[in-house]
């Protein structure tokens, strides 16, 4: 796995961004332990004119198709927790699909070899 990831966190209209930013960084880096991502772009935004006011869009740049998730909630932590669930689900389904492709590629030559022996 790639051990370096560029992490871009934008705080818009948020109080105490350092504590929140550290927590977000730990969450994203823990997610990257099982998945290769070159860059993570995260925006933590409070928009008091709408409800729910806290919005978190996340864009993970990967070698394949990028992973994009976003959520809104009444607290920043709740919105980010929802985003993390979406990211884990998307990454998990991609890992499963990749393993299924590898499994089918490995079993296909064996099936051809069996069919030619009995011909």
PDB file of N, CA and C in Angstrom:
ATOM      1  N   UNK A   1       0.825  -1.187   0.000  1.00  0.00           N
ATOM      2  CA  UNK A   1       0.000   0.000   0.000  1.00  0.00           C
ATOM      3  C   UNK A   1       0.870   1.251   0.000  1.00  0.00           C
ATOM      4  N   UNK A   2       0.335   2.296  -0.544  1.00  0.00           N
ATOM      5  CA  UNK A   2       1.010   3.581  -0.562  1.00  0.00           C
ATOM      6  C   UNK A   2       0.943   4.189   0.842  1.00  0.00           C
ATOM      7  N   UNK A   3       2.071   4.589   1.381  1.00  0.00           N
ATOM      8  CA  UNK A   3       2.077   5.126   2.738  1.00  0.00           C
ATOM      9  C   UNK A   3       1.934   6.638   2.774  1.00  0.00           C
ATOM     10  N   UNK A   4       1.982   7.298   1.631  1.00  0.00           N
ATOM     11  CA  UNK A   4       1.831   8.749   1.611  1.00  0.00           C
ATOM     12  C   UNK A   4       0.512   9.125   0.952  1.00  0.00           C
ATOM     13  N   UNK A   5      -0.157  10.072   1.564  1.00  0.00           N
ATOM     14  CA  UNK A   5      -1.409  10.574   1.019  1.00  0.00           C
ATOM     15  C   UNK A   5      -1.425  12.081   1.261  1.00  0.00           C
ATOM     16  N   UNK A   6      -1.743  12.813   0.261  1.00  0.00           N
ATOM     17  CA  UNK A   6      -1.882  14.256   0.415  1.00  0.00           C
ATOM     18  C   UNK A   6      -3.264  14.518   0.995  1.00  0.00           C
ATOM     19  N   UNK A   7      -3.308  15.252   2.101  1.00  0.00           N
ATOM     20  CA  UNK A   7      -4.562  15.508   2.797  1.00  0.00           C
ATOM     21  C   UNK A   7      -4.852  17.003   2.774  1.00  0.00           C
ATOM     22  N   UNK A   8      -5.933  17.388   2.100  1.00  0.00           N
ATOM     23  CA  UNK A   8      -6.354  18.788   2.015  1.00  0.00           C
ATOM     24  C   UNK A   8      -7.665  18.937   2.784  1.00  0.00           C
ATOM     25  N   UNK A   9      -7.633  19.673   3.885  1.00  0.00           N
ATOM     26  CA  UNK A   9      -8.832  19.894   4.695  1.00  0.00           C
ATOM     27  C   UNK A   9      -9.126  21.394   4.700  1.00  0.00           C
ATOM     28  N   UNK A  10     -10.311  21.752   4.242  1.00  0.00           N
ATOM     29  CA  UNK A  10     -10.749  23.151   4.255  1.00  0.00           C
ATOM     30  C   UNK A  10     -11.785  23.326   5.358  1.00  0.00           C
ATOM     31  N   UNK A  11     -11.608  24.361   6.173  1.00  0.00           N
ATOM     32  CA  UNK A  11     -12.568  24.698   7.223  1.00  0.00           C
ATOM     33  C   UNK A  11     -13.265  25.992   6.820  1.00  0.00           C
ATOM     34  N   UNK A  12     -14.562  25.941   6.671  1.00  0.00           N
ATOM     35  CA  UNK A  12     -15.316  27.131   6.285  1.00  0.00           C
ATOM     36  C   UNK A  12     -16.366  27.432   7.349  1.00  0.00           C
ATOM     37  N   UNK A  13     -16.194  28.562   8.018  1.00  0.00           N
ATOM     38  CA  UNK A  13     -17.123  29.021   9.064  1.00  0.00           C
ATOM     39  C   UNK A  13     -17.217  28.028  10.216  1.00  0.00           C
ATOM     40  N   UNK A  14     -16.071  27.452  10.624  1.00  0.00           N
ATOM     41  CA  UNK A  14     -16.028  26.459  11.697  1.00  0.00           C
ATOM     42  C   UNK A  14     -15.174  27.007  12.838  1.00  0.00           C
ATOM     43  N   UNK A  15     -15.657  26.845  14.080  1.00  0.00           N
ATOM     44  CA  UNK A  15     -14.850  27.204  15.242  1.00  0.00           C
ATOM     45  C   UNK A  15     -13.981  26.019  15.646  1.00  0.00           C
ATOM     46  N   UNK A  16     -12.840  26.282  16.270  1.00  0.00           N
ATOM     47  CA  UNK A  16     -11.844  25.297  16.733  1.00  0.00           C
ATOM     48  C   UNK A  16     -11.501  24.276  15.651  1.00  0.00           C
ATOM     49  N   UNK A  17     -10.980  24.732  14.516  1.00  0.00           N
ATOM     50  CA  UNK A  17     -10.694  23.806  13.417  1.00  0.00           C
ATOM     51  C   UNK A  17      -9.545  22.843  13.710  1.00  0.00           C
ATOM     52  N   UNK A  18      -8.643  23.183  14.634  1.00  0.00           N
ATOM     53  CA  UNK A  18      -7.484  22.321  14.875  1.00  0.00           C
ATOM     54  C   UNK A  18      -7.897  20.976  15.472  1.00  0.00           C
ATOM     55  N   UNK A  19      -8.726  21.015  16.502  1.00  0.00           N
ATOM     56  CA  UNK A  19      -9.168  19.771  17.129  1.00  0.00           C
ATOM     57  C   UNK A  19      -9.969  18.922  16.148  1.00  0.00           C
ATOM     58  N   UNK A  20     -10.868  19.551  15.448  1.00  0.00           N
ATOM     59  CA  UNK A  20     -11.681  18.844  14.458  1.00  0.00           C
ATOM     60  C   UNK A  20     -10.817  18.335  13.310  1.00  0.00           C
ATOM     61  N   UNK A  21      -9.878  19.146  12.868  1.00  0.00           N
ATOM     62  CA  UNK A  21      -8.986  18.738  11.781  1.00  0.00           C
ATOM     63  C   UNK A  21      -8.131  17.541  12.146  1.00  0.00           C
ATOM     64  N   UNK A  22      -7.649  17.489  13.385  1.00  0.00           N
ATOM     65  CA  UNK A  22      -6.861  16.337  13.835  1.00  0.00           C
ATOM     66  C   UNK A  22      -7.707  15.063  13.840  1.00  0.00           C
ATOM     67  N   UNK A  23      -8.949  15.183  14.299  1.00  0.00           N
ATOM     68  CA  UNK A  23      -9.843  14.034  14.337  1.00  0.00           C
ATOM     69  C   UNK A  23     -10.151  13.537  12.919  1.00  0.00           C
ATOM     70  N   UNK A  24     -10.423  14.461  12.013  1.00  0.00           N
ATOM     71  CA  UNK A  24     -10.698  14.112  10.614  1.00  0.00           C
ATOM     72  C   UNK A  24      -9.484  13.431   9.998  1.00  0.00           C
ATOM     73  N   UNK A  25      -8.299  13.968  10.262  1.00  0.00           N
ATOM     74  CA  UNK A  25      -7.073  13.393   9.717  1.00  0.00           C
ATOM     75  C   UNK A  25      -6.880  11.948  10.188  1.00  0.00           C
ATOM     76  N   UNK A  26      -7.102  11.695  11.468  1.00  0.00           N
ATOM     77  CA  UNK A  26      -6.961  10.319  11.983  1.00  0.00           C
ATOM     78  C   UNK A  26      -7.954   9.374  11.313  1.00  0.00           C
ATOM     79  N   UNK A  27      -9.191   9.832  11.121  1.00  0.00           N
ATOM     80  CA  UNK A  27     -10.219   8.993  10.492  1.00  0.00           C
ATOM     81  C   UNK A  27      -9.854   8.648   9.045  1.00  0.00           C
ATOM     82  N   UNK A  28      -9.420   9.629   8.299  1.00  0.00           N
ATOM     83  CA  UNK A  28      -9.088   9.416   6.888  1.00  0.00           C
ATOM     84  C   UNK A  28      -7.852   8.531   6.751  1.00  0.00           C
ATOM     85  N   UNK A  29      -6.846   8.763   7.583  1.00  0.00           N
ATOM     86  CA  UNK A  29      -5.638   7.941   7.502  1.00  0.00           C
ATOM     87  C   UNK A  29      -5.926   6.495   7.900  1.00  0.00           C
ATOM     88  N   UNK A  30      -6.816   6.285   8.856  1.00  0.00           N
ATOM     89  CA  UNK A  30      -7.211   4.920   9.224  1.00  0.00           C
ATOM     90  C   UNK A  30      -7.938   4.247   8.064  1.00  0.00           C
ATOM     91  N   UNK A  31      -8.719   5.000   7.333  1.00  0.00           N
ATOM     92  CA  UNK A  31      -9.411   4.465   6.158  1.00  0.00           C
ATOM     93  C   UNK A  31      -8.406   4.069   5.087  1.00  0.00           C
ATOM     94  N   UNK A  32      -7.353   4.847   4.928  1.00  0.00           N
ATOM     95  CA  UNK A  32      -6.339   4.585   3.917  1.00  0.00           C
ATOM     96  C   UNK A  32      -5.466   3.382   4.215  1.00  0.00           C
ATOM     97  N   UNK A  33      -5.552   2.833   5.422  1.00  0.00           N
ATOM     98  CA  UNK A  33      -4.729   1.673   5.768  1.00  0.00           C
ATOM     99  C   UNK A  33      -5.078   0.458   4.904  1.00  0.00           C
ATOM    100  N   UNK A  34      -6.326   0.336   4.482  1.00  0.00           N
ATOM    101  CA  UNK A  34      -6.722  -0.800   3.665  1.00  0.00           C
ATOM    102  C   UNK A  34      -6.967  -0.446   2.213  1.00  0.00           C
ATOM    103  N   UNK A  35      -6.650   0.768   1.837  1.00  0.00           N
ATOM    104  CA  UNK A  35      -6.989   1.243   0.500  1.00  0.00           C
ATOM    105  C   UNK A  35      -5.958   2.262   0.054  1.00  0.00           C
ATOM    106  N   UNK A  36      -5.552   2.196  -1.174  1.00  0.00           N
ATOM    107  CA  UNK A  36      -4.555   3.128  -1.682  1.00  0.00           C
ATOM    108  C   UNK A  36      -5.240   4.374  -2.226  1.00  0.00           C
ATOM    109  N   UNK A  37      -4.905   5.490  -1.630  1.00  0.00           N
ATOM    110  CA  UNK A  37      -5.429   6.766  -2.071  1.00  0.00           C
ATOM    111  C   UNK A  37      -4.275   7.747  -2.116  1.00  0.00           C
ATOM    112  N   UNK A  38      -4.167   8.481  -3.208  1.00  0.00           N
ATOM    113  CA  UNK A  38      -3.070   9.430  -3.366  1.00  0.00           C
ATOM    114  C   UNK A  38      -3.373  10.779  -2.730  1.00  0.00           C
ATOM    115  N   UNK A  39      -4.651  11.136  -2.668  1.00  0.00           N
ATOM    116  CA  UNK A  39      -5.019  12.458  -2.180  1.00  0.00           C
ATOM    117  C   UNK A  39      -6.424  12.417  -1.607  1.00  0.00           C
ATOM    118  N   UNK A  40      -6.644  13.173  -0.540  1.00  0.00           N
ATOM    119  CA  UNK A  40      -7.971  13.297   0.059  1.00  0.00           C
ATOM    120  C   UNK A  40      -8.307  14.780   0.159  1.00  0.00           C
ATOM    121  N   UNK A  41      -9.407  15.172  -0.452  1.00  0.00           N
ATOM    122  CA  UNK A  41      -9.879  16.558  -0.395  1.00  0.00           C
ATOM    123  C   UNK A  41     -11.155  16.590   0.433  1.00  0.00           C
ATOM    124  N   UNK A  42     -11.111  17.311   1.555  1.00  0.00           N
ATOM    125  CA  UNK A  42     -12.223  17.341   2.501  1.00  0.00           C
ATOM    126  C   UNK A  42     -12.587  18.791   2.772  1.00  0.00           C
ATOM    127  N   UNK A  43     -13.885  19.073   2.766  1.00  0.00           N
ATOM    128  CA  UNK A  43     -14.345  20.406   3.109  1.00  0.00           C
ATOM    129  C   UNK A  43     -15.315  20.292   4.280  1.00  0.00           C
ATOM    130  N   UNK A  44     -14.991  20.958   5.378  1.00  0.00           N
ATOM    131  CA  UNK A  44     -15.850  21.006   6.560  1.00  0.00           C
ATOM    132  C   UNK A  44     -16.486  22.392   6.578  1.00  0.00           C
ATOM    133  N   UNK A  45     -17.789  22.427   6.362  1.00  0.00           N
ATOM    134  CA  UNK A  45     -18.442  23.726   6.181  1.00  0.00           C
ATOM    135  C   UNK A  45     -19.695  23.834   7.034  1.00  0.00           C
ATOM    136  N   UNK A  46     -19.840  24.995   7.649  1.00  0.00           N
ATOM    137  CA  UNK A  46     -21.064  25.309   8.386  1.00  0.00           C
ATOM    138  C   UNK A  46     -21.821  26.351   7.580  1.00  0.00           C
ATOM    139  N   UNK A  47     -23.052  26.010   7.235  1.00  0.00           N
ATOM    140  CA  UNK A  47     -23.886  26.922   6.441  1.00  0.00           C
ATOM    141  C   UNK A  47     -25.147  27.229   7.241  1.00  0.00           C
ATOM    142  N   UNK A  48     -25.123  28.288   8.050  1.00  0.00           N
ATOM    143  CA  UNK A  48     -26.249  28.564   8.946  1.00  0.00           C
ATOM    144  C   UNK A  48     -27.554  28.918   8.226  1.00  0.00           C
ATOM    145  N   UNK A  49     -27.472  29.260   6.956  1.00  0.00           N
ATOM    146  CA  UNK A  49     -28.686  29.643   6.239  1.00  0.00           C
ATOM    147  C   UNK A  49     -29.534  28.451   5.803  1.00  0.00           C
ATOM    148  N   UNK A  50     -28.989  27.242   5.926  1.00  0.00           N
ATOM    149  CA  UNK A  50     -29.747  26.046   5.559  1.00  0.00           C
ATOM    150  C   UNK A  50     -29.803  25.091   6.743  1.00  0.00           C
ATOM    151  N   UNK A  51     -30.693  24.130   6.669  1.00  0.00           N
ATOM    152  CA  UNK A  51     -30.801  23.136   7.731  1.00  0.00           C
ATOM    153  C   UNK A  51     -30.831  21.757   7.093  1.00  0.00           C
ATOM    154  N   UNK A  52     -30.058  20.826   7.580  1.00  0.00           N
ATOM    155  CA  UNK A  52     -29.010  20.917   8.592  1.00  0.00           C
ATOM    156  C   UNK A  52     -27.826  21.740   8.086  1.00  0.00           C
ATOM    157  N   UNK A  53     -27.151  22.393   9.022  1.00  0.00           N
ATOM    158  CA  UNK A  53     -26.180  23.420   8.677  1.00  0.00           C
ATOM    159  C   UNK A  53     -24.774  22.907   8.391  1.00  0.00           C
ATOM    160  N   UNK A  54     -24.445  21.703   8.811  1.00  0.00           N
ATOM    161  CA  UNK A  54     -23.070  21.204   8.644  1.00  0.00           C
ATOM    162  C   UNK A  54     -22.982  20.273   7.439  1.00  0.00           C
ATOM    163  N   UNK A  55     -22.044  20.588   6.556  1.00  0.00           N
ATOM    164  CA  UNK A  55     -21.890  19.833   5.305  1.00  0.00           C
ATOM    165  C   UNK A  55     -20.447  19.362   5.168  1.00  0.00           C
ATOM    166  N   UNK A  56     -20.288  18.101   4.723  1.00  0.00           N
ATOM    167  CA  UNK A  56     -18.955  17.514   4.554  1.00  0.00           C
ATOM    168  C   UNK A  56     -18.893  16.757   3.229  1.00  0.00           C
ATOM    169  N   UNK A  57     -18.328  17.365   2.188  1.00  0.00           N
ATOM    170  CA  UNK A  57     -18.023  16.599   0.972  1.00  0.00           C
ATOM    171  C   UNK A  57     -16.575  16.102   1.019  1.00  0.00           C
ATOM    172  N   UNK A  58     -16.359  14.868   0.555  1.00  0.00           N
ATOM    173  CA  UNK A  58     -15.022  14.258   0.549  1.00  0.00           C
ATOM    174  C   UNK A  58     -14.767  13.676  -0.835  1.00  0.00           C
ATOM    175  N   UNK A  59     -13.545  13.880  -1.325  1.00  0.00           N
ATOM    176  CA  UNK A  59     -13.132  13.354  -2.621  1.00  0.00           C
ATOM    177  C   UNK A  59     -11.787  12.664  -2.428  1.00  0.00           C
ATOM    178  N   UNK A  60     -11.759  11.339  -2.590  1.00  0.00           N
ATOM    179  CA  UNK A  60     -10.515  10.582  -2.501  1.00  0.00           C
ATOM    180  C   UNK A  60     -10.021  10.296  -3.911  1.00  0.00           C
ATOM    181  N   UNK A  61      -8.807  10.730  -4.205  1.00  0.00           N
ATOM    182  CA  UNK A  61      -8.200  10.520  -5.516  1.00  0.00           C
ATOM    183  C   UNK A  61      -7.433   9.198  -5.463  1.00  0.00           C
ATOM    184  N   UNK A  62      -7.806   8.265  -6.342  1.00  0.00           N
ATOM    185  CA  UNK A  62      -7.170   6.946  -6.380  1.00  0.00           C
ATOM    186  C   UNK A  62      -6.650   6.684  -7.792  1.00  0.00           C
ATOM    187  N   UNK A  63      -5.962   5.568  -7.947  1.00  0.00           N
ATOM    188  CA  UNK A  63      -5.461   5.204  -9.281  1.00  0.00           C
ATOM    189  C   UNK A  63      -6.583   4.881 -10.243  1.00  0.00           C
ATOM    190  N   UNK A  64      -7.628   4.283  -9.735  1.00  0.00           N
ATOM    191  CA  UNK A  64      -8.777   3.963 -10.573  1.00  0.00           C
ATOM    192  C   UNK A  64      -9.788   5.094 -10.497  1.00  0.00           C
ATOM    193  N   UNK A  65     -11.047   4.725 -10.393  1.00  0.00           N
ATOM    194  CA  UNK A  65     -12.113   5.702 -10.266  1.00  0.00           C
ATOM    195  C   UNK A  65     -12.057   6.335  -8.881  1.00  0.00           C
ATOM    196  N   UNK A  66     -12.166   7.645  -8.829  1.00  0.00           N
ATOM    197  CA  UNK A  66     -12.122   8.342  -7.546  1.00  0.00           C
ATOM    198  C   UNK A  66     -13.335   7.987  -6.697  1.00  0.00           C
ATOM    199  N   UNK A  67     -13.187   8.138  -5.384  1.00  0.00           N
ATOM    200  CA  UNK A  67     -14.258   7.857  -4.436  1.00  0.00           C
ATOM    201  C   UNK A  67     -14.776   9.202  -3.925  1.00  0.00           C
ATOM    202  N   UNK A  68     -16.079   9.416  -4.083  1.00  0.00           N
ATOM    203  CA  UNK A  68     -16.689  10.689  -3.692  1.00  0.00           C
ATOM    204  C   UNK A  68     -17.867  10.409  -2.775  1.00  0.00           C
ATOM    205  N   UNK A  69     -17.926  11.139  -1.664  1.00  0.00           N
ATOM    206  CA  UNK A  69     -19.031  10.992  -0.719  1.00  0.00           C
ATOM    207  C   UNK A  69     -19.328  12.362  -0.116  1.00  0.00           C
ATOM    208  N   UNK A  70     -20.522  12.498   0.410  1.00  0.00           N
ATOM    209  CA  UNK A  70     -20.886  13.752   1.047  1.00  0.00           C
ATOM    210  C   UNK A  70     -22.096  13.567   1.928  1.00  0.00           C
ATOM    211  N   UNK A  71     -22.192  14.415   2.936  1.00  0.00           N
ATOM    212  CA  UNK A  71     -23.323  14.322   3.845  1.00  0.00           C
ATOM    213  C   UNK A  71     -23.568  15.663   4.515  1.00  0.00           C
ATOM    214  N   UNK A  72     -24.749  15.767   5.115  1.00  0.00           N
ATOM    215  CA  UNK A  72     -25.161  16.950   5.859  1.00  0.00           C
ATOM    216  C   UNK A  72     -25.829  16.493   7.143  1.00  0.00           C
ATOM    217  N   UNK A  73     -25.570  17.205   8.233  1.00  0.00           N
ATOM    218  CA  UNK A  73     -26.223  16.866   9.493  1.00  0.00           C
ATOM    219  C   UNK A  73     -26.225  18.088  10.398  1.00  0.00           C
ATOM    220  N   UNK A  74     -26.821  17.929  11.589  1.00  0.00           N
ATOM    221  CA  UNK A  74     -26.918  19.043  12.522  1.00  0.00           C
ATOM    222  C   UNK A  74     -25.627  19.274  13.300  1.00  0.00           C
ATOM    223  N   UNK A  75     -24.719  18.288  13.330  1.00  0.00           N
ATOM    224  CA  UNK A  75     -23.398  18.475  13.933  1.00  0.00           C
ATOM    225  C   UNK A  75     -22.338  18.043  12.921  1.00  0.00           C
ATOM    226  N   UNK A  76     -21.164  18.622  13.043  1.00  0.00           N
ATOM    227  CA  UNK A  76     -20.085  18.297  12.108  1.00  0.00           C
ATOM    228  C   UNK A  76     -19.643  16.845  12.273  1.00  0.00           C
ATOM    229  N   UNK A  77     -19.539  16.389  13.507  1.00  0.00           N
ATOM    230  CA  UNK A  77     -19.109  14.997  13.730  1.00  0.00           C
ATOM    231  C   UNK A  77     -20.105  14.002  13.144  1.00  0.00           C
ATOM    232  N   UNK A  78     -21.390  14.276  13.271  1.00  0.00           N
ATOM    233  CA  UNK A  78     -22.404  13.372  12.717  1.00  0.00           C
ATOM    234  C   UNK A  78     -22.336  13.366  11.187  1.00  0.00           C
ATOM    235  N   UNK A  79     -22.151  14.535  10.590  1.00  0.00           N
ATOM    236  CA  UNK A  79     -22.047  14.601   9.126  1.00  0.00           C
ATOM    237  C   UNK A  79     -20.814  13.847   8.656  1.00  0.00           C
ATOM    238  N   UNK A  80     -19.694  14.024   9.358  1.00  0.00           N
ATOM    239  CA  UNK A  80     -18.474  13.329   8.951  1.00  0.00           C
ATOM    240  C   UNK A  80     -18.594  11.824   9.179  1.00  0.00           C
ATOM    241  N   UNK A  81     -19.266  11.413  10.249  1.00  0.00           N
ATOM    242  CA  UNK A  81     -19.474   9.977  10.497  1.00  0.00           C
ATOM    243  C   UNK A  81     -20.276   9.349   9.359  1.00  0.00           C
ATOM    244  N   UNK A  82     -21.274  10.047   8.865  1.00  0.00           N
ATOM    245  CA  UNK A  82     -22.064   9.542   7.729  1.00  0.00           C
ATOM    246  C   UNK A  82     -21.196   9.410   6.476  1.00  0.00           C
ATOM    247  N   UNK A  83     -20.323  10.384   6.263  1.00  0.00           N
ATOM    248  CA  UNK A  83     -19.413  10.324   5.119  1.00  0.00           C
ATOM    249  C   UNK A  83     -18.491   9.124   5.239  1.00  0.00           C
ATOM    250  N   UNK A  84     -17.979   8.868   6.437  1.00  0.00           N
ATOM    251  CA  UNK A  84     -17.076   7.732   6.635  1.00  0.00           C
ATOM    252  C   UNK A  84     -17.785   6.400   6.348  1.00  0.00           C
ATOM    253  N   UNK A  85     -19.043   6.286   6.717  1.00  0.00           N
ATOM    254  CA  UNK A  85     -19.813   5.077   6.400  1.00  0.00           C
ATOM    255  C   UNK A  85     -19.927   4.914   4.888  1.00  0.00           C
ATOM    256  N   UNK A  86     -20.226   6.009   4.183  1.00  0.00           N
ATOM    257  CA  UNK A  86     -20.327   5.951   2.725  1.00  0.00           C
ATOM    258  C   UNK A  86     -18.994   5.547   2.099  1.00  0.00           C
ATOM    259  N   UNK A  87     -17.895   6.133   2.591  1.00  0.00           N
ATOM    260  CA  UNK A  87     -16.579   5.810   2.041  1.00  0.00           C
ATOM    261  C   UNK A  87     -16.220   4.352   2.280  1.00  0.00           C
ATOM    262  N   UNK A  88     -16.455   3.858   3.508  1.00  0.00           N
ATOM    263  CA  UNK A  88     -16.161   2.445   3.802  1.00  0.00           C
ATOM    264  C   UNK A  88     -16.980   1.511   2.923  1.00  0.00           C
ATOM    265  N   UNK A  89     -18.264   1.852   2.706  1.00  0.00           N
ATOM    266  CA  UNK A  89     -19.119   1.024   1.850  1.00  0.00           C
ATOM    267  C   UNK A  89     -18.602   0.999   0.412  1.00  0.00           C
ATOM    268  N   UNK A  90     -18.260   2.168  -0.121  1.00  0.00           N
ATOM    269  CA  UNK A  90     -17.762   2.228  -1.502  1.00  0.00           C
ATOM    270  C   UNK A  90     -16.444   1.490  -1.659  1.00  0.00           C
ATOM    271  N   UNK A  91     -15.540   1.691  -0.719  1.00  0.00           N
ATOM    272  CA  UNK A  91     -14.235   1.029  -0.791  1.00  0.00           C
ATOM    273  C   UNK A  91     -14.394  -0.474  -0.613  1.00  0.00           C
ATOM    274  N   UNK A  92     -15.248  -0.884   0.318  1.00  0.00           N
ATOM    275  CA  UNK A  92     -15.491  -2.312   0.533  1.00  0.00           C
ATOM    276  C   UNK A  92     -16.055  -2.987  -0.703  1.00  0.00           C
ATOM    277  N   UNK A  93     -17.008  -2.336  -1.373  1.00  0.00           N
ATOM    278  CA  UNK A  93     -17.589  -2.948  -2.570  1.00  0.00           C
ATOM    279  C   UNK A  93     -16.565  -3.017  -3.701  1.00  0.00           C
ATOM    280  N   UNK A  94     -15.674  -2.052  -3.782  1.00  0.00           N
ATOM    281  CA  UNK A  94     -14.625  -2.101  -4.815  1.00  0.00           C
ATOM    282  C   UNK A  94     -13.633  -3.222  -4.540  1.00  0.00           C
ATOM    283  N   UNK A  95     -13.301  -3.427  -3.280  1.00  0.00           N
ATOM    284  CA  UNK A  95     -12.383  -4.517  -2.933  1.00  0.00           C
ATOM    285  C   UNK A  95     -13.020  -5.853  -3.260  1.00  0.00           C
ATOM    286  N   UNK A  96     -14.303  -6.018  -2.942  1.00  0.00           N
ATOM    287  CA  UNK A  96     -15.004  -7.273  -3.240  1.00  0.00           C
ATOM    288  C   UNK A  96     -15.042  -7.513  -4.747  1.00  0.00           C
ATOM    289  N   UNK A  97     -15.367  -6.483  -5.528  1.00  0.00           N
ATOM    290  CA  UNK A  97     -15.407  -6.645  -6.990  1.00  0.00           C
ATOM    291  C   UNK A  97     -14.035  -7.014  -7.542  1.00  0.00           C
ATOM    292  N   UNK A  98     -12.980  -6.394  -7.006  1.00  0.00           N
ATOM    293  CA  UNK A  98     -11.630  -6.702  -7.482  1.00  0.00           C
ATOM    294  C   UNK A  98     -11.264  -8.146  -7.162  1.00  0.00           C
ATOM    295  N   UNK A  99     -11.605  -8.614  -5.973  1.00  0.00           N
ATOM    296  CA  UNK A  99     -11.321 -10.002  -5.605  1.00  0.00           C
ATOM    297  C   UNK A  99     -12.127 -10.979  -6.468  1.00  0.00           C
ATOM    298  N   UNK A 100     -13.357 -10.635  -6.785  1.00  0.00           N
ATOM    299  CA  UNK A 100     -14.166 -11.493  -7.656  1.00  0.00           C
ATOM    300  C   UNK A 100     -13.566 -11.573  -9.053  1.00  0.00           C
ATOM    301  N   UNK A 101     -13.066 -10.460  -9.562  1.00  0.00           N
ATOM    302  CA  UNK A 101     -12.424 -10.486 -10.884  1.00  0.00           C
ATOM    303  C   UNK A 101     -11.177 -11.359 -10.862  1.00  0.00           C
ATOM    304  N   UNK A 102     -10.370 -11.223  -9.817  1.00  0.00           N
ATOM    305  CA  UNK A 102      -9.163 -12.046  -9.713  1.00  0.00           C
ATOM    306  C   UNK A 102      -9.511 -13.523  -9.605  1.00  0.00           C
ATOM    307  N   UNK A 103     -10.524 -13.832  -8.832  1.00  0.00           N
ATOM    308  CA  UNK A 103     -10.947 -15.217  -8.657  1.00  0.00           C
ATOM    309  C   UNK A 103     -11.439 -15.812  -9.979  1.00  0.00           C
ATOM    310  N   UNK A 104     -12.199 -15.026 -10.739  1.00  0.00           N
ATOM    311  CA  UNK A 104     -12.703 -15.546 -12.007  1.00  0.00           C
ATOM    312  C   UNK A 104     -11.568 -15.723 -13.018  1.00  0.00           C
ATOM    313  N   UNK A 105     -10.562 -14.840 -12.974  1.00  0.00           N
ATOM    314  CA  UNK A 105      -9.422 -14.985 -13.875  1.00  0.00           C
ATOM    315  C   UNK A 105      -8.604 -16.226 -13.531  1.00  0.00           C
ATOM    316  N   UNK A 106      -8.492 -16.526 -12.260  1.00  0.00           N
ATOM    317  CA  UNK A 106      -7.736 -17.700 -11.848  1.00  0.00           C
ATOM    318  C   UNK A 106      -8.476 -18.998 -12.146  1.00  0.00           C
ATOM    319  N   UNK A 107      -9.795 -18.989 -12.032  1.00  0.00           N
ATOM    320  CA  UNK A 107     -10.557 -20.214 -12.271  1.00  0.00           C
ATOM    321  C   UNK A 107     -10.808 -20.447 -13.760  1.00  0.00           C
ATOM    322  N   UNK A 108     -10.764 -19.450 -14.586  1.00  0.00           N
ATOM    323  CA  UNK A 108     -11.023 -19.602 -16.023  1.00  0.00           C
ATOM    324  C   UNK A 108      -9.984 -20.497 -16.710  1.00  0.00           C
ATOM    325  N   UNK A 109      -8.674 -20.362 -16.479  1.00  0.00           N
ATOM    326  CA  UNK A 109      -7.716 -21.257 -17.132  1.00  0.00           C
ATOM    327  C   UNK A 109      -7.886 -22.708 -16.699  1.00  0.00           C
ATOM    328  N   UNK A 110      -8.246 -22.938 -15.441  1.00  0.00           N
ATOM    329  CA  UNK A 110      -8.454 -24.303 -14.971  1.00  0.00           C
ATOM    330  C   UNK A 110      -9.660 -24.935 -15.659  1.00  0.00           C
ATOM    331  N   UNK A 111     -10.697 -24.172 -15.865  1.00  0.00           N
ATOM    332  CA  UNK A 111     -11.886 -24.690 -16.545  1.00  0.00           C
ATOM    333  C   UNK A 111     -11.563 -25.025 -17.997  1.00  0.00           C
ATOM    334  N   UNK A 112     -10.754 -24.215 -18.661  1.00  0.00           N
ATOM    335  CA  UNK A 112     -10.374 -24.503 -20.044  1.00  0.00           C
ATOM    336  C   UNK A 112      -9.503 -25.748 -20.110  1.00  0.00           C
ATOM    337  N   UNK A 113      -8.624 -25.920 -19.158  1.00  0.00           N
ATOM    338  CA  UNK A 113      -7.744 -27.087 -19.153  1.00  0.00           C
ATOM    339  C   UNK A 113      -8.553 -28.361 -18.955  1.00  0.00           C
ATOM    340  N   UNK A 114      -9.569 -28.333 -18.093  1.00  0.00           N
ATOM    341  CA  UNK A 114     -10.410 -29.524 -17.886  1.00  0.00           C
ATOM    342  C   UNK A 114     -11.184 -29.865 -19.141  1.00  0.00           C
ATOM    343  N   UNK A 115     -11.698 -28.856 -19.833  1.00  0.00           N
ATOM    344  CA  UNK A 115     -12.512 -29.117 -21.006  1.00  0.00           C
ATOM    345  C   UNK A 115     -11.663 -29.665 -22.170  1.00  0.00           C
ATOM    346  N   UNK A 116     -10.406 -29.291 -22.290  1.00  0.00           N
ATOM    347  CA  UNK A 116      -9.562 -29.789 -23.378  1.00  0.00           C
ATOM    348  C   UNK A 116      -9.075 -31.198 -23.099  1.00  0.00           C
ATOM    349  N   UNK A 117      -8.956 -31.607 -21.835  1.00  0.00           N
ATOM    350  CA  UNK A 117      -8.518 -32.963 -21.521  1.00  0.00           C
ATOM    351  C   UNK A 117      -9.555 -34.001 -21.929  1.00  0.00           C
ATOM    352  N   UNK A 118     -10.812 -33.648 -21.831  1.00  0.00           N
ATOM    353  CA  UNK A 118     -11.870 -34.600 -22.119  1.00  0.00           C
ATOM    354  C   UNK A 118     -12.385 -34.519 -23.547  1.00  0.00           C
ATOM    355  N   UNK A 119     -11.800 -33.693 -24.349  1.00  0.00           N
ATOM    356  CA  UNK A 119     -12.274 -33.537 -25.713  1.00  0.00           C
ATOM    357  C   UNK A 119     -11.715 -34.599 -26.627  1.00  0.00           C
TER     358      UNK A 119
END
